[in-house]
mmCIF file of all heavy atoms, coordinates in Angstrom:
data_MODEL
# 
_entry.id   MODEL 
# 
loop_
_atom_site.group_PDB 
_atom_site.id 
_atom_site.type_symbol 
_atom_site.label_atom_id 
_atom_site.label_alt_id 
_atom_site.label_comp_id 
_atom_site.label_asym_id 
_atom_site.label_entity_id 
_atom_site.label_seq_id 
_atom_site.pdbx_PDB_ins_code 
_atom_site.Cartn_x 
_atom_site.Cartn_y 
_atom_site.Cartn_z 
_atom_site.occupancy 
_atom_site.B_iso_or_equiv 
_atom_site.pdbx_formal_charge 
_atom_site.auth_seq_id 
_atom_site.auth_comp_id 
_atom_site.auth_asym_id 
_atom_site.auth_atom_id 
_atom_site.pdbx_PDB_model_num 
ATOM 1   N N   . ALA A 1 1  ? -42.328 -44.596 39.719 1.00 0.00 ? 1  ALA A N   1 
ATOM 2   C CA  . ALA A 1 1  ? -41.272 -45.046 38.749 1.00 0.00 ? 1  ALA A CA  1 
ATOM 3   C C   . ALA A 1 1  ? -40.538 -43.831 38.179 1.00 0.00 ? 1  ALA A C   1 
ATOM 4   O O   . ALA A 1 1  ? -39.329 -43.893 37.972 1.00 0.00 ? 1  ALA A O   1 
ATOM 5   C CB  . ALA A 1 1  ? -41.881 -45.903 37.679 1.00 0.00 ? 1  ALA A CB  1 
ATOM 6   N N   . ALA A 1 2  ? -41.277 -42.800 37.915 1.00 0.00 ? 2  ALA A N   1 
ATOM 7   C CA  . ALA A 1 2  ? -40.633 -41.565 37.391 1.00 0.00 ? 2  ALA A CA  1 
ATOM 8   C C   . ALA A 1 2  ? -39.690 -40.971 38.446 1.00 0.00 ? 2  ALA A C   1 
ATOM 9   O O   . ALA A 1 2  ? -38.611 -40.530 38.077 1.00 0.00 ? 2  ALA A O   1 
ATOM 10  C CB  . ALA A 1 2  ? -41.762 -40.542 37.052 1.00 0.00 ? 2  ALA A CB  1 
ATOM 11  N N   . LEU A 1 3  ? -40.097 -40.980 39.700 1.00 0.00 ? 3  LEU A N   1 
ATOM 12  C CA  . LEU A 1 3  ? -39.239 -40.462 40.752 1.00 0.00 ? 3  LEU A CA  1 
ATOM 13  C C   . LEU A 1 3  ? -37.968 -41.303 40.855 1.00 0.00 ? 3  LEU A C   1 
ATOM 14  O O   . LEU A 1 3  ? -36.853 -40.787 40.992 1.00 0.00 ? 3  LEU A O   1 
ATOM 15  C CB  . LEU A 1 3  ? -39.967 -40.487 42.076 1.00 0.00 ? 3  LEU A CB  1 
ATOM 16  C CG  . LEU A 1 3  ? -41.064 -39.442 42.255 1.00 0.00 ? 3  LEU A CG  1 
ATOM 17  C CD1 . LEU A 1 3  ? -41.936 -39.775 43.439 1.00 0.00 ? 3  LEU A CD1 1 
ATOM 18  C CD2 . LEU A 1 3  ? -40.424 -38.068 42.459 1.00 0.00 ? 3  LEU A CD2 1 
ATOM 19  N N   . ALA A 1 4  ? -38.108 -42.636 40.753 1.00 0.00 ? 4  ALA A N   1 
ATOM 20  C CA  . ALA A 1 4  ? -36.978 -43.523 40.948 1.00 0.00 ? 4  ALA A CA  1 
ATOM 21  C C   . ALA A 1 4  ? -36.012 -43.376 39.745 1.00 0.00 ? 4  ALA A C   1 
ATOM 22  O O   . ALA A 1 4  ? -34.782 -43.636 39.918 1.00 0.00 ? 4  ALA A O   1 
ATOM 23  C CB  . ALA A 1 4  ? -37.462 -44.988 41.036 1.00 0.00 ? 4  ALA A CB  1 
ATOM 24  N N   . ALA A 1 5  ? -36.486 -42.974 38.588 1.00 0.00 ? 5  ALA A N   1 
ATOM 25  C CA  . ALA A 1 5  ? -35.607 -42.855 37.423 1.00 0.00 ? 5  ALA A CA  1 
ATOM 26  C C   . ALA A 1 5  ? -34.836 -41.563 37.347 1.00 0.00 ? 5  ALA A C   1 
ATOM 27  O O   . ALA A 1 5  ? -33.931 -41.477 36.542 1.00 0.00 ? 5  ALA A O   1 
ATOM 28  C CB  . ALA A 1 5  ? -36.474 -43.006 36.133 1.00 0.00 ? 5  ALA A CB  1 
ATOM 29  N N   . ALA A 1 6  ? -35.237 -40.570 38.144 1.00 0.00 ? 6  ALA A N   1 
ATOM 30  C CA  . ALA A 1 6  ? -34.703 -39.225 37.967 1.00 0.00 ? 6  ALA A CA  1 
ATOM 31  C C   . ALA A 1 6  ? -33.680 -38.848 39.063 1.00 0.00 ? 6  ALA A C   1 
ATOM 32  O O   . ALA A 1 6  ? -33.802 -39.208 40.210 1.00 0.00 ? 6  ALA A O   1 
ATOM 33  C CB  . ALA A 1 6  ? -35.841 -38.206 38.030 1.00 0.00 ? 6  ALA A CB  1 
ATOM 34  N N   . GLN A 1 7  ? -32.684 -38.086 38.601 1.00 0.00 ? 7  GLN A N   1 
ATOM 35  C CA  . GLN A 1 7  ? -31.686 -37.573 39.548 1.00 0.00 ? 7  GLN A CA  1 
ATOM 36  C C   . GLN A 1 7  ? -32.234 -36.379 40.309 1.00 0.00 ? 7  GLN A C   1 
ATOM 37  O O   . GLN A 1 7  ? -31.970 -36.230 41.491 1.00 0.00 ? 7  GLN A O   1 
ATOM 38  C CB  . GLN A 1 7  ? -30.454 -37.155 38.789 1.00 0.00 ? 7  GLN A CB  1 
ATOM 39  C CG  . GLN A 1 7  ? -29.324 -36.621 39.642 1.00 0.00 ? 7  GLN A CG  1 
ATOM 40  C CD  . GLN A 1 7  ? -28.101 -36.290 38.855 1.00 0.00 ? 7  GLN A CD  1 
ATOM 41  O OE1 . GLN A 1 7  ? -27.925 -36.658 37.700 1.00 0.00 ? 7  GLN A OE1 1 
ATOM 42  N NE2 . GLN A 1 7  ? -27.125 -35.594 39.475 1.00 0.00 ? 7  GLN A NE2 1 
ATOM 43  N N   . ARG A 1 8  ? -33.066 -35.591 39.645 1.00 0.00 ? 8  ARG A N   1 
ATOM 44  C CA  . ARG A 1 8  ? -33.693 -34.405 40.287 1.00 0.00 ? 8  ARG A CA  1 
ATOM 45  C C   . ARG A 1 8  ? -35.183 -34.532 40.123 1.00 0.00 ? 8  ARG A C   1 
ATOM 46  O O   . ARG A 1 8  ? -35.673 -34.825 39.058 1.00 0.00 ? 8  ARG A O   1 
ATOM 47  C CB  . ARG A 1 8  ? -33.207 -33.116 39.629 1.00 0.00 ? 8  ARG A CB  1 
ATOM 48  C CG  . ARG A 1 8  ? -33.789 -31.864 40.187 1.00 0.00 ? 8  ARG A CG  1 
ATOM 49  C CD  . ARG A 1 8  ? -33.181 -30.595 39.607 1.00 0.00 ? 8  ARG A CD  1 
ATOM 50  N NE  . ARG A 1 8  ? -33.298 -30.538 38.152 1.00 0.00 ? 8  ARG A NE  1 
ATOM 51  C CZ  . ARG A 1 8  ? -33.130 -29.407 37.414 1.00 0.00 ? 8  ARG A CZ  1 
ATOM 52  N NH1 . ARG A 1 8  ? -32.809 -28.281 38.016 1.00 0.00 ? 8  ARG A NH1 1 
ATOM 53  N NH2 . ARG A 1 8  ? -33.233 -29.459 36.114 1.00 0.00 ? 8  ARG A NH2 1 
ATOM 54  N N   . LYS A 1 9  ? -35.929 -34.260 41.244 1.00 0.00 ? 9  LYS A N   1 
ATOM 55  C CA  . LYS A 1 9  ? -37.378 -34.385 41.251 1.00 0.00 ? 9  LYS A CA  1 
ATOM 56  C C   . LYS A 1 9  ? -38.001 -33.029 41.568 1.00 0.00 ? 9  LYS A C   1 
ATOM 57  O O   . LYS A 1 9  ? -37.762 -32.490 42.644 1.00 0.00 ? 9  LYS A O   1 
ATOM 58  C CB  . LYS A 1 9  ? -37.835 -35.425 42.288 1.00 0.00 ? 9  LYS A CB  1 
ATOM 59  C CG  . LYS A 1 9  ? -37.347 -36.817 42.046 1.00 0.00 ? 9  LYS A CG  1 
ATOM 60  C CD  . LYS A 1 9  ? -36.079 -37.169 42.787 1.00 0.00 ? 9  LYS A CD  1 
ATOM 61  C CE  . LYS A 1 9  ? -35.762 -38.630 42.723 1.00 0.00 ? 9  LYS A CE  1 
ATOM 62  N NZ  . LYS A 1 9  ? -34.411 -38.956 43.278 1.00 0.00 ? 9  LYS A NZ  1 
ATOM 63  N N   . ILE A 1 10 ? -38.776 -32.543 40.653 1.00 0.00 ? 10 ILE A N   1 
ATOM 64  C CA  . ILE A 1 10 ? -39.457 -31.223 40.787 1.00 0.00 ? 10 ILE A CA  1 
ATOM 65  C C   . ILE A 1 10 ? -40.959 -31.455 40.745 1.00 0.00 ? 10 ILE A C   1 
ATOM 66  O O   . ILE A 1 10 ? -41.457 -32.023 39.756 1.00 0.00 ? 10 ILE A O   1 
ATOM 67  C CB  . ILE A 1 10 ? -39.049 -30.253 39.688 1.00 0.00 ? 10 ILE A CB  1 
ATOM 68  C CG1 . ILE A 1 10 ? -37.501 -30.031 39.697 1.00 0.00 ? 10 ILE A CG1 1 
ATOM 69  C CG2 . ILE A 1 10 ? -39.765 -28.979 39.842 1.00 0.00 ? 10 ILE A CG2 1 
ATOM 70  C CD1 . ILE A 1 10 ? -37.027 -29.179 38.530 1.00 0.00 ? 10 ILE A CD1 1 
ATOM 71  N N   . ALA A 1 11 ? -41.677 -31.010 41.735 1.00 0.00 ? 11 ALA A N   1 
ATOM 72  C CA  . ALA A 1 11 ? -43.148 -31.019 41.725 1.00 0.00 ? 11 ALA A CA  1 
ATOM 73  C C   . ALA A 1 11 ? -43.666 -29.653 41.306 1.00 0.00 ? 11 ALA A C   1 
ATOM 74  O O   . ALA A 1 11 ? -43.078 -28.644 41.755 1.00 0.00 ? 11 ALA A O   1 
ATOM 75  C CB  . ALA A 1 11 ? -43.721 -31.453 43.095 1.00 0.00 ? 11 ALA A CB  1 
ATOM 76  N N   . VAL A 1 12 ? -44.716 -29.615 40.561 1.00 0.00 ? 12 VAL A N   1 
ATOM 77  C CA  . VAL A 1 12 ? -45.304 -28.339 40.135 1.00 0.00 ? 12 VAL A CA  1 
ATOM 78  C C   . VAL A 1 12 ? -46.792 -28.338 40.456 1.00 0.00 ? 12 VAL A C   1 
ATOM 79  O O   . VAL A 1 12 ? -47.510 -29.312 40.231 1.00 0.00 ? 12 VAL A O   1 
ATOM 80  C CB  . VAL A 1 12 ? -45.077 -28.129 38.601 1.00 0.00 ? 12 VAL A CB  1 
ATOM 81  C CG1 . VAL A 1 12 ? -43.616 -27.960 38.281 1.00 0.00 ? 12 VAL A CG1 1 
ATOM 82  C CG2 . VAL A 1 12 ? -45.670 -29.249 37.743 1.00 0.00 ? 12 VAL A CG2 1 
ATOM 83  N N   . CYS A 1 13 ? -47.282 -27.227 41.029 1.00 0.00 ? 13 CYS A N   1 
ATOM 84  C CA  . CYS A 1 13 ? -48.687 -27.096 41.351 1.00 0.00 ? 13 CYS A CA  1 
ATOM 85  C C   . CYS A 1 13 ? -48.997 -25.643 41.724 1.00 0.00 ? 13 CYS A C   1 
ATOM 86  O O   . CYS A 1 13 ? -48.142 -24.934 42.185 1.00 0.00 ? 13 CYS A O   1 
ATOM 87  C CB  . CYS A 1 13 ? -49.027 -28.021 42.495 1.00 0.00 ? 13 CYS A CB  1 
ATOM 88  S SG  . CYS A 1 13 ? -48.237 -27.660 44.078 1.00 0.00 ? 13 CYS A SG  1 
ATOM 89  N N   . ASP A 1 14 ? -50.247 -25.271 41.522 1.00 0.00 ? 14 ASP A N   1 
ATOM 90  C CA  . ASP A 1 14 ? -50.733 -23.988 42.033 1.00 0.00 ? 14 ASP A CA  1 
ATOM 91  C C   . ASP A 1 14 ? -51.077 -24.155 43.505 1.00 0.00 ? 14 ASP A C   1 
ATOM 92  O O   . ASP A 1 14 ? -51.130 -25.285 44.065 1.00 0.00 ? 14 ASP A O   1 
ATOM 93  C CB  . ASP A 1 14 ? -51.919 -23.509 41.243 1.00 0.00 ? 14 ASP A CB  1 
ATOM 94  C CG  . ASP A 1 14 ? -53.135 -24.396 41.392 1.00 0.00 ? 14 ASP A CG  1 
ATOM 95  O OD1 . ASP A 1 14 ? -53.895 -24.196 42.380 1.00 0.00 ? 14 ASP A OD1 1 
ATOM 96  O OD2 . ASP A 1 14 ? -53.345 -25.260 40.541 1.00 0.00 ? 14 ASP A OD2 1 
ATOM 97  N N   . GLY A 1 15 ? -51.313 -23.043 44.164 1.00 0.00 ? 15 GLY A N   1 
ATOM 98  C CA  . GLY A 1 15 ? -51.474 -23.042 45.646 1.00 0.00 ? 15 GLY A CA  1 
ATOM 99  C C   . GLY A 1 15 ? -52.651 -23.818 46.156 1.00 0.00 ? 15 GLY A C   1 
ATOM 100 O O   . GLY A 1 15 ? -52.665 -24.251 47.323 1.00 0.00 ? 15 GLY A O   1 
ATOM 101 N N   . SER A 1 16 ? -53.686 -24.083 45.312 1.00 0.00 ? 16 SER A N   1 
ATOM 102 C CA  . SER A 1 16 ? -54.830 -24.770 45.773 1.00 0.00 ? 16 SER A CA  1 
ATOM 103 C C   . SER A 1 16 ? -54.542 -26.223 46.166 1.00 0.00 ? 16 SER A C   1 
ATOM 104 O O   . SER A 1 16 ? -55.267 -26.819 46.976 1.00 0.00 ? 16 SER A O   1 
ATOM 105 C CB  . SER A 1 16 ? -55.973 -24.763 44.689 1.00 0.00 ? 16 SER A CB  1 
ATOM 106 O OG  . SER A 1 16 ? -55.547 -25.537 43.579 1.00 0.00 ? 16 SER A OG  1 
ATOM 107 N N   . LYS A 1 17 ? -53.490 -26.803 45.622 1.00 0.00 ? 17 LYS A N   1 
ATOM 108 C CA  . LYS A 1 17 ? -53.209 -28.209 45.845 1.00 0.00 ? 17 LYS A CA  1 
ATOM 109 C C   . LYS A 1 17 ? -52.686 -28.525 47.280 1.00 0.00 ? 17 LYS A C   1 
ATOM 110 O O   . LYS A 1 17 ? -52.662 -29.611 47.702 1.00 0.00 ? 17 LYS A O   1 
ATOM 111 C CB  . LYS A 1 17 ? -52.169 -28.715 44.825 1.00 0.00 ? 17 LYS A CB  1 
ATOM 112 C CG  . LYS A 1 17 ? -52.619 -28.548 43.374 1.00 0.00 ? 17 LYS A CG  1 
ATOM 113 C CD  . LYS A 1 17 ? -53.910 -29.294 43.071 1.00 0.00 ? 17 LYS A CD  1 
ATOM 114 C CE  . LYS A 1 17 ? -54.442 -28.991 41.677 1.00 0.00 ? 17 LYS A CE  1 
ATOM 115 N NZ  . LYS A 1 17 ? -53.592 -29.414 40.601 1.00 0.00 ? 17 LYS A NZ  1 
ATOM 116 N N   . PHE A 1 18 ? -52.280 -27.435 47.977 1.00 0.00 ? 18 PHE A N   1 
ATOM 117 C CA  . PHE A 1 18 ? -51.759 -27.623 49.314 1.00 0.00 ? 18 PHE A CA  1 
ATOM 118 C C   . PHE A 1 18 ? -52.915 -27.833 50.342 1.00 0.00 ? 18 PHE A C   1 
ATOM 119 O O   . PHE A 1 18 ? -52.630 -28.151 51.490 1.00 0.00 ? 18 PHE A O   1 
ATOM 120 C CB  . PHE A 1 18 ? -50.894 -26.455 49.754 1.00 0.00 ? 18 PHE A CB  1 
ATOM 121 C CG  . PHE A 1 18 ? -49.572 -26.357 48.962 1.00 0.00 ? 18 PHE A CG  1 
ATOM 122 C CD1 . PHE A 1 18 ? -49.543 -25.642 47.779 1.00 0.00 ? 18 PHE A CD1 1 
ATOM 123 C CD2 . PHE A 1 18 ? -48.489 -27.027 49.375 1.00 0.00 ? 18 PHE A CD2 1 
ATOM 124 C CE1 . PHE A 1 18 ? -48.376 -25.532 47.039 1.00 0.00 ? 18 PHE A CE1 1 
ATOM 125 C CE2 . PHE A 1 18 ? -47.282 -26.929 48.640 1.00 0.00 ? 18 PHE A CE2 1 
ATOM 126 C CZ  . PHE A 1 18 ? -47.233 -26.206 47.465 1.00 0.00 ? 18 PHE A CZ  1 
ATOM 127 N N   . THR A 1 19 ? -54.115 -27.637 49.930 1.00 0.00 ? 19 THR A N   1 
ATOM 128 C CA  . THR A 1 19 ? -55.308 -27.818 50.804 1.00 0.00 ? 19 THR A CA  1 
ATOM 129 C C   . THR A 1 19 ? -56.003 -29.123 50.442 1.00 0.00 ? 19 THR A C   1 
ATOM 130 O O   . THR A 1 19 ? -57.070 -29.356 50.969 1.00 0.00 ? 19 THR A O   1 
ATOM 131 C CB  . THR A 1 19 ? -56.262 -26.628 50.681 1.00 0.00 ? 19 THR A CB  1 
ATOM 132 O OG1 . THR A 1 19 ? -56.721 -26.538 49.335 1.00 0.00 ? 19 THR A OG1 1 
ATOM 133 C CG2 . THR A 1 19 ? -55.579 -25.342 51.070 1.00 0.00 ? 19 THR A CG2 1 
ATOM 134 N N   . ARG A 1 20 ? -55.472 -29.936 49.557 1.00 0.00 ? 20 ARG A N   1 
ATOM 135 C CA  . ARG A 1 20 ? -56.139 -31.125 49.100 1.00 0.00 ? 20 ARG A CA  1 
ATOM 136 C C   . ARG A 1 20 ? -55.253 -32.355 49.334 1.00 0.00 ? 20 ARG A C   1 
ATOM 137 O O   . ARG A 1 20 ? -54.040 -32.255 49.406 1.00 0.00 ? 20 ARG A O   1 
ATOM 138 C CB  . ARG A 1 20 ? -56.441 -31.028 47.614 1.00 0.00 ? 20 ARG A CB  1 
ATOM 139 C CG  . ARG A 1 20 ? -57.316 -29.837 47.194 1.00 0.00 ? 20 ARG A CG  1 
ATOM 140 C CD  . ARG A 1 20 ? -57.451 -29.698 45.726 1.00 0.00 ? 20 ARG A CD  1 
ATOM 141 N NE  . ARG A 1 20 ? -58.158 -28.507 45.336 1.00 0.00 ? 20 ARG A NE  1 
ATOM 142 C CZ  . ARG A 1 20 ? -58.385 -28.072 44.087 1.00 0.00 ? 20 ARG A CZ  1 
ATOM 143 N NH1 . ARG A 1 20 ? -57.894 -28.785 43.077 1.00 0.00 ? 20 ARG A NH1 1 
ATOM 144 N NH2 . ARG A 1 20 ? -59.045 -26.935 43.854 1.00 0.00 ? 20 ARG A NH2 1 
ATOM 145 N N   . THR A 1 21 ? -55.923 -33.496 49.483 1.00 0.00 ? 21 THR A N   1 
ATOM 146 C CA  . THR A 1 21 ? -55.216 -34.755 49.631 1.00 0.00 ? 21 THR A CA  1 
ATOM 147 C C   . THR A 1 21 ? -55.854 -35.800 48.738 1.00 0.00 ? 21 THR A C   1 
ATOM 148 O O   . THR A 1 21 ? -57.100 -36.033 48.842 1.00 0.00 ? 21 THR A O   1 
ATOM 149 C CB  . THR A 1 21 ? -55.230 -35.266 51.105 1.00 0.00 ? 21 THR A CB  1 
ATOM 150 O OG1 . THR A 1 21 ? -54.684 -34.258 51.934 1.00 0.00 ? 21 THR A OG1 1 
ATOM 151 C CG2 . THR A 1 21 ? -54.399 -36.525 51.245 1.00 0.00 ? 21 THR A CG2 1 
ATOM 152 N N   . GLY A 1 22 ? -55.101 -36.393 47.831 1.00 0.00 ? 22 GLY A N   1 
ATOM 153 C CA  . GLY A 1 22 ? -55.624 -37.426 46.959 1.00 0.00 ? 22 GLY A CA  1 
ATOM 154 C C   . GLY A 1 22 ? -55.687 -38.792 47.647 1.00 0.00 ? 22 GLY A C   1 
ATOM 155 O O   . GLY A 1 22 ? -55.096 -38.958 48.786 1.00 0.00 ? 22 GLY A O   1 
ATOM 156 N N   . LEU A 1 23 ? -56.346 -39.740 47.074 1.00 0.00 ? 23 LEU A N   1 
ATOM 157 C CA  . LEU A 1 23 ? -56.529 -41.023 47.671 1.00 0.00 ? 23 LEU A CA  1 
ATOM 158 C C   . LEU A 1 23 ? -55.212 -41.840 47.726 1.00 0.00 ? 23 LEU A C   1 
ATOM 159 O O   . LEU A 1 23 ? -54.959 -42.567 48.715 1.00 0.00 ? 23 LEU A O   1 
ATOM 160 C CB  . LEU A 1 23 ? -57.551 -41.855 46.848 1.00 0.00 ? 23 LEU A CB  1 
ATOM 161 C CG  . LEU A 1 23 ? -57.897 -43.249 47.300 1.00 0.00 ? 23 LEU A CG  1 
ATOM 162 C CD1 . LEU A 1 23 ? -58.521 -43.229 48.700 1.00 0.00 ? 23 LEU A CD1 1 
ATOM 163 C CD2 . LEU A 1 23 ? -58.806 -43.921 46.274 1.00 0.00 ? 23 LEU A CD2 1 
ATOM 164 N N   . GLY A 1 24 ? -54.401 -41.711 46.732 1.00 0.00 ? 24 GLY A N   1 
ATOM 165 C CA  . GLY A 1 24 ? -53.187 -42.566 46.658 1.00 0.00 ? 24 GLY A CA  1 
ATOM 166 C C   . GLY A 1 24 ? -51.944 -41.811 47.050 1.00 0.00 ? 24 GLY A C   1 
ATOM 167 O O   . GLY A 1 24 ? -51.637 -40.725 46.561 1.00 0.00 ? 24 GLY A O   1 
# 
């Protein structure tokens, strides 16, 4: 819903998140 509401979408994360996959 946050993505749908926004004109610009920015994701933020440190490098460790690129080796992980969440359930959803």
